[in-house]
Structures are given as C-alpha cells and as structure tokens.
Amino acid sequence: MAEGGAVIEVEGLGRDVASGGGVLTILHEIDFSVAAGEAMAVVGASGSGKSTLLGLLAGLDLPTRGRVRLAGQDLSSLDEDGRAALRGRMLGFVFQSFQLLPALTALENAMLPLELLGRADAQATAREMLGRVGLAARLGHYPKHLSGGEQQRVALARAFAVGPTLLLADEPTGNLDADTGAQVIDLMFAMNAEAGTTLVLVTHDEALAGRCGRQLRLAGGRLLP
C-alpha cells in the first residue's frame, strides 16, 4: 500500500483527444488521493469528464499527462497485460449498463472474474455472493430473464466476489427506477462497509453523492475547489 494508506493517488492528470483536426482537453491537471476504506463520489454534469476519469483510475485508458498510482503502482509503468492483471486482482466494477455477458447464467457471470484469476473456489464464492444479494434462486437464469434490478445485483455479486481493494461504480442506478435503484444502492453501501472496500462512485445524483464521505466535483474537466 502507498504511504499514508492511499489506495489512489492522482497527480497532474490530464487527458486530450483529437477532435476535428485539433485537440480537445477532456481533463485538466487533476490532483487528489483516496484513502483506504474511503467512499468518495465524483459529481458533475454530463460531459464534465467523470467517466473519462474513472477509466483512467481503472487503467482502461492512459493519461496524456500526469499519473495514477493504484496502491503505489504507477499504472503508466505497466503494459496493457500488467494493467489488466492489476484490475483483476484489485478492482470491482459496477456499470450503469450492467455489462453482463448474455450467454452466461447469473452464476457464470459472477464466477467469471474468479475463474480469470484461477480461483478453485470460483463457483462456491459466486454462489455465496449471489445469495448475499438475494439471488440464490436465480443462479441458472440468463440476463434476459432477469429484471434490471436483478441484473445489477448480479453485477454487485461479481464485483465483490474477488474481494476487491477498490470498487468503481459508474452511475450504478442510471438504468433503474427510483425504488429499485435505492435498493441496489443500499445493498452496495452495505456490502462495501462489510468488506471495508474503498469506493469511488461516479454520479450526477446529489442525494447519492451525499451518502459518500467526500465529494469531488468536476466541471469542464476541471476539479472545482
């Protein structure tokens, strides 16, 4: 772990993309850190750079400037395979669009990250986690036979199955109605507290952001003071 117990350290982070023959800056010189066990929300309007930032924290993309350290490891110093291995060991993801594989059952979807790690207990752990999210009776169901709320519960089970150090959640209730979304969020915070996981949550929902211990606000790709 990095000095001071920081799970994430971001220094001078910038991201540019080519646009119409020019360069568009998506993120401008972002600096922050997230302590172990902290729950932090990244808040901002659509197009403010929230999802770009999350992709950089996960090592799914690399910055144009600056660096991201995950548990002291500079992501830019790793090749694509190295970043993928680090993600597999340390990260859990919950997306707005669930990101379940349609050809796999709920159980198989939850087992997938464990199998990629070569875990012999993949099935037992996935069953336990699906039971934890209230889906013990739905293990053999495919995503198309599950409601949106049930699919997001499978995604939660999959995310927590590996015992992640860091959970990244991108608008996790964006495709759910208010009641279902509230149930999923309650479950996510309960599981996060139980596991002692560090949480970074991207949302435009102020009430949801308020449930995190700290809010980071982005506007036009810049951190607001």
C-alpha atoms as a PDB file:
ATOM      1  CA  MET A   1       0.000   0.000   0.000  1.00  0.00           C
ATOM      2  CA  ALA A   2       1.155   3.522  -0.693  1.00  0.00           C
ATOM      3  CA  GLU A   3       2.478   5.711   2.091  1.00  0.00           C
ATOM      4  CA  GLY A   4      -0.320   7.147   4.235  1.00  0.00           C
ATOM      5  CA  GLY A   5      -2.714   4.383   3.257  1.00  0.00           C
ATOM      6  CA  ALA A   6      -3.789   5.978  -0.042  1.00  0.00           C
ATOM      7  CA  VAL A   7      -5.352   3.468  -2.426  1.00  0.00           C
ATOM      8  CA  ILE A   8      -5.466   6.017  -5.258  1.00  0.00           C
ATOM      9  CA  GLU A   9      -3.034   8.880  -5.878  1.00  0.00           C
ATOM     10  CA  VAL A  10      -3.677  11.164  -8.853  1.00  0.00           C
ATOM     11  CA  GLU A  11      -1.081  13.789  -9.798  1.00  0.00           C
ATOM     12  CA  GLY A  12      -1.353  16.382 -12.589  1.00  0.00           C
ATOM     13  CA  LEU A  13      -3.728  14.163 -14.543  1.00  0.00           C
ATOM     14  CA  GLY A  14      -4.693  15.389 -17.993  1.00  0.00           C
ATOM     15  CA  ARG A  15      -6.371  13.719 -20.962  1.00  0.00           C
ATOM     16  CA  ASP A  16      -6.515  15.078 -24.505  1.00  0.00           C
ATOM     17  CA  VAL A  17      -8.264  13.617 -27.547  1.00  0.00           C
ATOM     18  CA  ALA A  18      -8.067  14.513 -31.223  1.00  0.00           C
ATOM     19  CA  SER A  19     -11.138  16.422 -32.348  1.00  0.00           C
ATOM     20  CA  GLY A  20     -11.894  17.930 -35.751  1.00  0.00           C
ATOM     21  CA  GLY A  21      -8.254  18.379 -36.677  1.00  0.00           C
ATOM     22  CA  GLY A  22      -7.458  19.895 -33.290  1.00  0.00           C
ATOM     23  CA  VAL A  23      -7.044  18.731 -29.721  1.00  0.00           C
ATOM     24  CA  LEU A  24      -9.801  18.666 -27.120  1.00  0.00           C
ATOM     25  CA  THR A  25      -8.780  18.553 -23.459  1.00  0.00           C
ATOM     26  CA  ILE A  26     -11.169  16.304 -21.502  1.00  0.00           C
ATOM     27  CA  LEU A  27      -9.383  16.571 -18.129  1.00  0.00           C
ATOM     28  CA  HIS A  28      -7.173  19.411 -16.888  1.00  0.00           C
ATOM     29  CA  GLU A  29      -4.429  18.812 -14.288  1.00  0.00           C
ATOM     30  CA  ILE A  30      -6.415  16.771 -11.759  1.00  0.00           C
ATOM     31  CA  ASP A  31      -4.894  16.100  -8.315  1.00  0.00           C
ATOM     32  CA  PHE A  32      -6.417  14.078  -5.463  1.00  0.00           C
ATOM     33  CA  SER A  33      -5.963  10.954  -3.370  1.00  0.00           C
ATOM     34  CA  VAL A  34      -8.380   8.452  -1.873  1.00  0.00           C
ATOM     35  CA  ALA A  35      -7.611   6.774   1.447  1.00  0.00           C
ATOM     36  CA  ALA A  36      -8.168   3.081   2.144  1.00  0.00           C
ATOM     37  CA  GLY A  37     -11.770   2.446   3.172  1.00  0.00           C
ATOM     38  CA  GLU A  38     -12.974   5.857   1.995  1.00  0.00           C
ATOM     39  CA  ALA A  39     -16.188   6.322  -0.022  1.00  0.00           C
ATOM     40  CA  MET A  40     -15.842   9.178  -2.499  1.00  0.00           C
ATOM     41  CA  ALA A  41     -18.305  10.461  -5.084  1.00  0.00           C
ATOM     42  CA  VAL A  42     -17.240  12.110  -8.344  1.00  0.00           C
ATOM     43  CA  VAL A  43     -20.012  14.547  -9.231  1.00  0.00           C
ATOM     44  CA  GLY A  44     -20.595  16.642 -12.328  1.00  0.00           C
ATOM     45  CA  ALA A  45     -22.868  17.285 -15.266  1.00  0.00           C
ATOM     46  CA  SER A  46     -22.838  15.106 -18.366  1.00  0.00           C
ATOM     47  CA  GLY A  47     -19.648  15.771 -20.318  1.00  0.00           C
ATOM     48  CA  SER A  48     -17.685  17.023 -17.302  1.00  0.00           C
ATOM     49  CA  GLY A  49     -15.123  14.219 -17.594  1.00  0.00           C
ATOM     50  CA  LYS A  50     -16.398  11.859 -14.860  1.00  0.00           C
ATOM     51  CA  SER A  51     -16.363   8.642 -16.881  1.00  0.00           C
ATOM     52  CA  THR A  52     -13.034   9.545 -18.505  1.00  0.00           C
ATOM     53  CA  LEU A  53     -11.559   9.967 -15.035  1.00  0.00           C
ATOM     54  CA  LEU A  54     -12.957   6.602 -13.927  1.00  0.00           C
ATOM     55  CA  GLY A  55     -11.434   4.899 -16.976  1.00  0.00           C
ATOM     56  CA  LEU A  56      -8.033   6.387 -16.105  1.00  0.00           C
ATOM     57  CA  LEU A  57      -8.326   5.249 -12.466  1.00  0.00           C
ATOM     58  CA  ALA A  58      -9.000   1.718 -13.720  1.00  0.00           C
ATOM     59  CA  GLY A  59      -6.124   1.777 -16.204  1.00  0.00           C
ATOM     60  CA  LEU A  60      -8.586   1.192 -19.048  1.00  0.00           C
ATOM     61  CA  ASP A  61      -7.091   4.290 -20.658  1.00  0.00           C
ATOM     62  CA  LEU A  62      -3.813   6.135 -20.113  1.00  0.00           C
ATOM     63  CA  PRO A  63      -3.439   9.858 -19.382  1.00  0.00           C
ATOM     64  CA  THR A  64      -1.856  12.364 -21.739  1.00  0.00           C
ATOM     65  CA  ARG A  65      -0.171  13.989 -18.734  1.00  0.00           C
ATOM     66  CA  GLY A  66       0.327  13.118 -15.092  1.00  0.00           C
ATOM     67  CA  ARG A  67      -0.034   9.803 -13.341  1.00  0.00           C
ATOM     68  CA  VAL A  68      -2.387   7.493 -11.480  1.00  0.00           C
ATOM     69  CA  ARG A  69      -0.989   5.285  -8.726  1.00  0.00           C
ATOM     70  CA  LEU A  70      -3.084   2.370  -7.542  1.00  0.00           C
ATOM     71  CA  ALA A  71      -1.826   1.029  -4.195  1.00  0.00           C
ATOM     72  CA  GLY A  72       1.502   2.678  -5.006  1.00  0.00           C
ATOM     73  CA  GLN A  73       1.761   1.203  -8.516  1.00  0.00           C
ATOM     74  CA  ASP A  74       2.080   3.755 -11.330  1.00  0.00           C
ATOM     75  CA  LEU A  75      -0.375   2.485 -13.960  1.00  0.00           C
ATOM     76  CA  SER A  76       1.574   4.134 -16.788  1.00  0.00           C
ATOM     77  CA  SER A  77       4.595   1.969 -15.944  1.00  0.00           C
ATOM     78  CA  LEU A  78       2.617  -1.203 -16.751  1.00  0.00           C
ATOM     79  CA  ASP A  79       1.794  -2.592 -20.168  1.00  0.00           C
ATOM     80  CA  GLU A  80      -1.783  -3.489 -21.095  1.00  0.00           C
ATOM     81  CA  ASP A  81      -1.458  -7.030 -19.742  1.00  0.00           C
ATOM     82  CA  GLY A  82       0.032  -5.730 -16.493  1.00  0.00           C
ATOM     83  CA  ARG A  83      -2.818  -3.266 -16.019  1.00  0.00           C
ATOM     84  CA  ALA A  84      -5.360  -5.996 -16.770  1.00  0.00           C
ATOM     85  CA  ALA A  85      -3.743  -8.279 -14.172  1.00  0.00           C
ATOM     86  CA  LEU A  86      -3.825  -5.482 -11.586  1.00  0.00           C
ATOM     87  CA  ARG A  87      -7.506  -4.815 -12.340  1.00  0.00           C
ATOM     88  CA  GLY A  88      -8.305  -8.486 -11.952  1.00  0.00           C
ATOM     89  CA  ARG A  89      -6.687  -8.659  -8.524  1.00  0.00           C
ATOM     90  CA  MET A  90      -7.700  -5.308  -7.054  1.00  0.00           C
ATOM     91  CA  LEU A  91     -10.774  -3.842  -8.736  1.00  0.00           C
ATOM     92  CA  GLY A  92     -14.508  -4.445  -8.802  1.00  0.00           C
ATOM     93  CA  PHE A  93     -16.731  -2.631 -11.306  1.00  0.00           C
ATOM     94  CA  VAL A  94     -20.408  -1.721 -11.340  1.00  0.00           C
ATOM     95  CA  PHE A  95     -21.655  -0.019 -14.513  1.00  0.00           C
ATOM     96  CA  GLN A  96     -24.867   1.740 -15.485  1.00  0.00           C
ATOM     97  CA  SER A  97     -25.410  -0.819 -18.259  1.00  0.00           C
ATOM     98  CA  PHE A  98     -24.728  -3.882 -16.021  1.00  0.00           C
ATOM     99  CA  GLN A  99     -22.180  -5.352 -18.500  1.00  0.00           C
ATOM    100  CA  LEU A 100     -23.303  -8.947 -18.011  1.00  0.00           C
ATOM    101  CA  LEU A 101     -22.479 -11.491 -20.702  1.00  0.00           C
ATOM    102  CA  PRO A 102     -25.818 -12.566 -22.237  1.00  0.00           C
ATOM    103  CA  ALA A 103     -24.694 -16.139 -22.992  1.00  0.00           C
ATOM    104  CA  LEU A 104     -23.765 -16.804 -19.350  1.00  0.00           C
ATOM    105  CA  THR A 105     -26.089 -17.503 -16.433  1.00  0.00           C
ATOM    106  CA  ALA A 106     -26.136 -15.329 -13.324  1.00  0.00           C
ATOM    107  CA  LEU A 107     -23.827 -17.841 -11.622  1.00  0.00           C
ATOM    108  CA  GLU A 108     -21.435 -17.986 -14.589  1.00  0.00           C
ATOM    109  CA  ASN A 109     -21.309 -14.178 -14.813  1.00  0.00           C
ATOM    110  CA  ALA A 110     -20.460 -13.917 -11.113  1.00  0.00           C
ATOM    111  CA  MET A 111     -17.838 -16.669 -11.436  1.00  0.00           C
ATOM    112  CA  LEU A 112     -16.059 -15.099 -14.413  1.00  0.00           C
ATOM    113  CA  PRO A 113     -13.562 -12.779 -12.650  1.00  0.00           C
ATOM    114  CA  LEU A 114     -12.730 -15.558 -10.177  1.00  0.00           C
ATOM    115  CA  GLU A 115     -12.104 -18.022 -12.995  1.00  0.00           C
ATOM    116  CA  LEU A 116      -9.858 -15.484 -14.728  1.00  0.00           C
ATOM    117  CA  LEU A 117      -7.812 -15.394 -11.518  1.00  0.00           C
ATOM    118  CA  GLY A 118      -7.635 -19.204 -11.483  1.00  0.00           C
ATOM    119  CA  ARG A 119      -9.559 -19.463  -8.214  1.00  0.00           C
ATOM    120  CA  ALA A 120     -10.535 -23.051  -7.369  1.00  0.00           C
ATOM    121  CA  ASP A 121     -13.395 -21.752  -5.210  1.00  0.00           C
ATOM    122  CA  ALA A 122     -14.955 -19.735  -8.054  1.00  0.00           C
ATOM    123  CA  GLN A 123     -18.333 -21.486  -8.042  1.00  0.00           C
ATOM    124  CA  ALA A 124     -18.696 -21.630  -4.251  1.00  0.00           C
ATOM    125  CA  THR A 125     -17.737 -17.968  -3.840  1.00  0.00           C
ATOM    126  CA  ALA A 126     -20.046 -16.842  -6.664  1.00  0.00           C
ATOM    127  CA  ARG A 127     -22.943 -18.813  -5.150  1.00  0.00           C
ATOM    128  CA  GLU A 128     -22.296 -17.228  -1.764  1.00  0.00           C
ATOM    129  CA  MET A 129     -22.204 -13.709  -3.221  1.00  0.00           C
ATOM    130  CA  LEU A 130     -25.379 -14.227  -5.266  1.00  0.00           C
ATOM    131  CA  GLY A 131     -27.075 -15.426  -2.104  1.00  0.00           C
ATOM    132  CA  ARG A 132     -25.830 -12.281  -0.363  1.00  0.00           C
ATOM    133  CA  VAL A 133     -27.602 -10.110  -2.963  1.00  0.00           C
ATOM    134  CA  GLY A 134     -30.823 -12.133  -2.737  1.00  0.00           C
ATOM    135  CA  LEU A 135     -30.478 -14.164  -5.938  1.00  0.00           C
ATOM    136  CA  ALA A 136     -29.912 -17.679  -4.577  1.00  0.00           C
ATOM    137  CA  ALA A 137     -32.984 -18.855  -6.507  1.00  0.00           C
ATOM    138  CA  ARG A 138     -31.868 -17.245  -9.803  1.00  0.00           C
ATOM    139  CA  LEU A 139     -28.427 -18.811 -10.316  1.00  0.00           C
ATOM    140  CA  GLY A 140     -29.346 -20.536 -13.594  1.00  0.00           C
ATOM    141  CA  HIS A 141     -31.148 -17.578 -15.142  1.00  0.00           C
ATOM    142  CA  TYR A 142     -29.691 -15.705 -18.103  1.00  0.00           C
ATOM    143  CA  PRO A 143     -29.591 -11.879 -18.072  1.00  0.00           C
ATOM    144  CA  LYS A 144     -32.534 -11.596 -20.491  1.00  0.00           C
ATOM    145  CA  HIS A 145     -34.697 -13.411 -17.901  1.00  0.00           C
ATOM    146  CA  LEU A 146     -33.674 -11.072 -15.074  1.00  0.00           C
ATOM    147  CA  SER A 147     -35.076  -7.632 -14.289  1.00  0.00           C
ATOM    148  CA  GLY A 148     -32.791  -4.602 -14.395  1.00  0.00           C
ATOM    149  CA  GLY A 149     -32.516  -4.621 -10.617  1.00  0.00           C
ATOM    150  CA  GLU A 150     -31.646  -8.322 -10.608  1.00  0.00           C
ATOM    151  CA  GLN A 151     -29.007  -7.783 -13.305  1.00  0.00           C
ATOM    152  CA  GLN A 152     -27.399  -5.017 -11.257  1.00  0.00           C
ATOM    153  CA  ARG A 153     -27.421  -7.331  -8.216  1.00  0.00           C
ATOM    154  CA  VAL A 154     -25.542  -9.926 -10.289  1.00  0.00           C
ATOM    155  CA  ALA A 155     -23.082  -7.166 -11.210  1.00  0.00           C
ATOM    156  CA  LEU A 156     -22.648  -6.351  -7.497  1.00  0.00           C
ATOM    157  CA  ALA A 157     -22.052 -10.007  -6.669  1.00  0.00           C
ATOM    158  CA  ARG A 158     -19.493 -10.233  -9.479  1.00  0.00           C
ATOM    159  CA  ALA A 159     -17.758  -7.030  -8.325  1.00  0.00           C
ATOM    160  CA  PHE A 160     -17.430  -8.105  -4.680  1.00  0.00           C
ATOM    161  CA  ALA A 161     -16.641 -11.783  -5.402  1.00  0.00           C
ATOM    162  CA  VAL A 162     -12.917 -11.121  -5.896  1.00  0.00           C
ATOM    163  CA  GLY A 163     -12.632  -9.252  -2.569  1.00  0.00           C
ATOM    164  CA  PRO A 164     -11.567  -6.047  -4.341  1.00  0.00           C
ATOM    165  CA  THR A 165      -9.442  -3.354  -2.741  1.00  0.00           C
ATOM    166  CA  LEU A 166     -11.287  -0.739  -4.787  1.00  0.00           C
ATOM    167  CA  LEU A 167     -14.843  -0.647  -6.154  1.00  0.00           C
ATOM    168  CA  LEU A 168     -15.505   1.676  -9.100  1.00  0.00           C
ATOM    169  CA  ALA A 169     -19.182   2.419  -9.761  1.00  0.00           C
ATOM    170  CA  ASP A 170     -20.289   4.438 -12.805  1.00  0.00           C
ATOM    171  CA  GLU A 171     -23.889   5.734 -12.499  1.00  0.00           C
ATOM    172  CA  PRO A 172     -24.944   2.366 -10.983  1.00  0.00           C
ATOM    173  CA  THR A 173     -28.645   3.335 -10.785  1.00  0.00           C
ATOM    174  CA  GLY A 174     -28.808   5.066 -14.180  1.00  0.00           C
ATOM    175  CA  ASN A 175     -30.924   2.359 -15.810  1.00  0.00           C
ATOM    176  CA  LEU A 176     -33.108   1.581 -12.779  1.00  0.00           C
ATOM    177  CA  ASP A 177     -36.337   3.081 -11.460  1.00  0.00           C
ATOM    178  CA  ALA A 178     -36.117   5.053  -8.204  1.00  0.00           C
ATOM    179  CA  ASP A 179     -37.270   2.281  -5.851  1.00  0.00           C
ATOM    180  CA  THR A 180     -35.111  -0.422  -7.431  1.00  0.00           C
ATOM    181  CA  GLY A 181     -32.145   1.937  -7.601  1.00  0.00           C
ATOM    182  CA  ALA A 182     -32.485   2.762  -3.903  1.00  0.00           C
ATOM    183  CA  GLN A 183     -32.498  -0.946  -3.013  1.00  0.00           C
ATOM    184  CA  VAL A 184     -29.395  -1.610  -5.124  1.00  0.00           C
ATOM    185  CA  ILE A 185     -27.559   1.377  -3.608  1.00  0.00           C
ATOM    186  CA  ASP A 186     -28.443   0.313  -0.050  1.00  0.00           C
ATOM    187  CA  LEU A 187     -27.047  -3.125  -0.855  1.00  0.00           C
ATOM    188  CA  MET A 188     -23.906  -1.701  -2.447  1.00  0.00           C
ATOM    189  CA  PHE A 189     -23.124   0.519   0.563  1.00  0.00           C
ATOM    190  CA  ALA A 190     -23.844  -2.327   2.996  1.00  0.00           C
ATOM    191  CA  MET A 191     -21.536  -4.712   1.124  1.00  0.00           C
ATOM    192  CA  ASN A 192     -18.891  -2.020   0.782  1.00  0.00           C
ATOM    193  CA  ALA A 193     -18.913  -1.315   4.530  1.00  0.00           C
ATOM    194  CA  GLU A 194     -18.872  -5.027   5.357  1.00  0.00           C
ATOM    195  CA  ALA A 195     -15.885  -5.677   3.093  1.00  0.00           C
ATOM    196  CA  GLY A 196     -14.001  -2.481   4.034  1.00  0.00           C
ATOM    197  CA  THR A 197     -13.606  -1.699   0.345  1.00  0.00           C
ATOM    198  CA  THR A 198     -12.590   1.715  -0.979  1.00  0.00           C
ATOM    199  CA  LEU A 199     -15.386   3.132  -3.155  1.00  0.00           C
ATOM    200  CA  VAL A 200     -15.256   5.673  -5.963  1.00  0.00           C
ATOM    201  CA  LEU A 201     -18.744   6.405  -7.244  1.00  0.00           C
ATOM    202  CA  VAL A 202     -19.465   8.472 -10.365  1.00  0.00           C
ATOM    203  CA  THR A 203     -22.913  10.058 -10.277  1.00  0.00           C
ATOM    204  CA  HIS A 204     -24.887  13.169 -11.165  1.00  0.00           C
ATOM    205  CA  ASP A 205     -27.312  12.350  -8.311  1.00  0.00           C
ATOM    206  CA  GLU A 206     -26.607  14.724  -5.406  1.00  0.00           C
ATOM    207  CA  ALA A 207     -28.533  12.599  -2.879  1.00  0.00           C
ATOM    208  CA  LEU A 208     -26.484   9.545  -3.797  1.00  0.00           C
ATOM    209  CA  ALA A 209     -23.245  11.551  -3.707  1.00  0.00           C
ATOM    210  CA  GLY A 210     -24.211  12.760  -0.233  1.00  0.00           C
ATOM    211  CA  ARG A 211     -24.049   9.197   1.059  1.00  0.00           C
ATOM    212  CA  CYS A 212     -20.304   9.184   0.404  1.00  0.00           C
ATOM    213  CA  GLY A 213     -17.907  10.673   2.908  1.00  0.00           C
ATOM    214  CA  ARG A 214     -16.440  13.071   0.338  1.00  0.00           C
ATOM    215  CA  GLN A 215     -17.470  14.588  -2.989  1.00  0.00           C
ATOM    216  CA  LEU A 216     -15.127  15.519  -5.811  1.00  0.00           C
ATOM    217  CA  ARG A 217     -16.763  17.984  -8.222  1.00  0.00           C
ATOM    218  CA  LEU A 218     -15.846  18.228 -11.904  1.00  0.00           C
ATOM    219  CA  ALA A 219     -16.887  20.958 -14.334  1.00  0.00           C
ATOM    220  CA  GLY A 220     -15.477  21.204 -17.837  1.00  0.00           C
ATOM    221  CA  GLY A 221     -12.809  18.675 -16.979  1.00  0.00           C
ATOM    222  CA  ARG A 222     -11.526  20.699 -14.023  1.00  0.00           C
ATOM    223  CA  LEU A 223     -11.768  19.997 -10.306  1.00  0.00           C
ATOM    224  CA  LEU A 224     -13.833  22.622  -8.511  1.00  0.00           C
ATOM    225  CA  PRO A 225     -12.319  23.955  -5.264  1.00  0.00           C
END
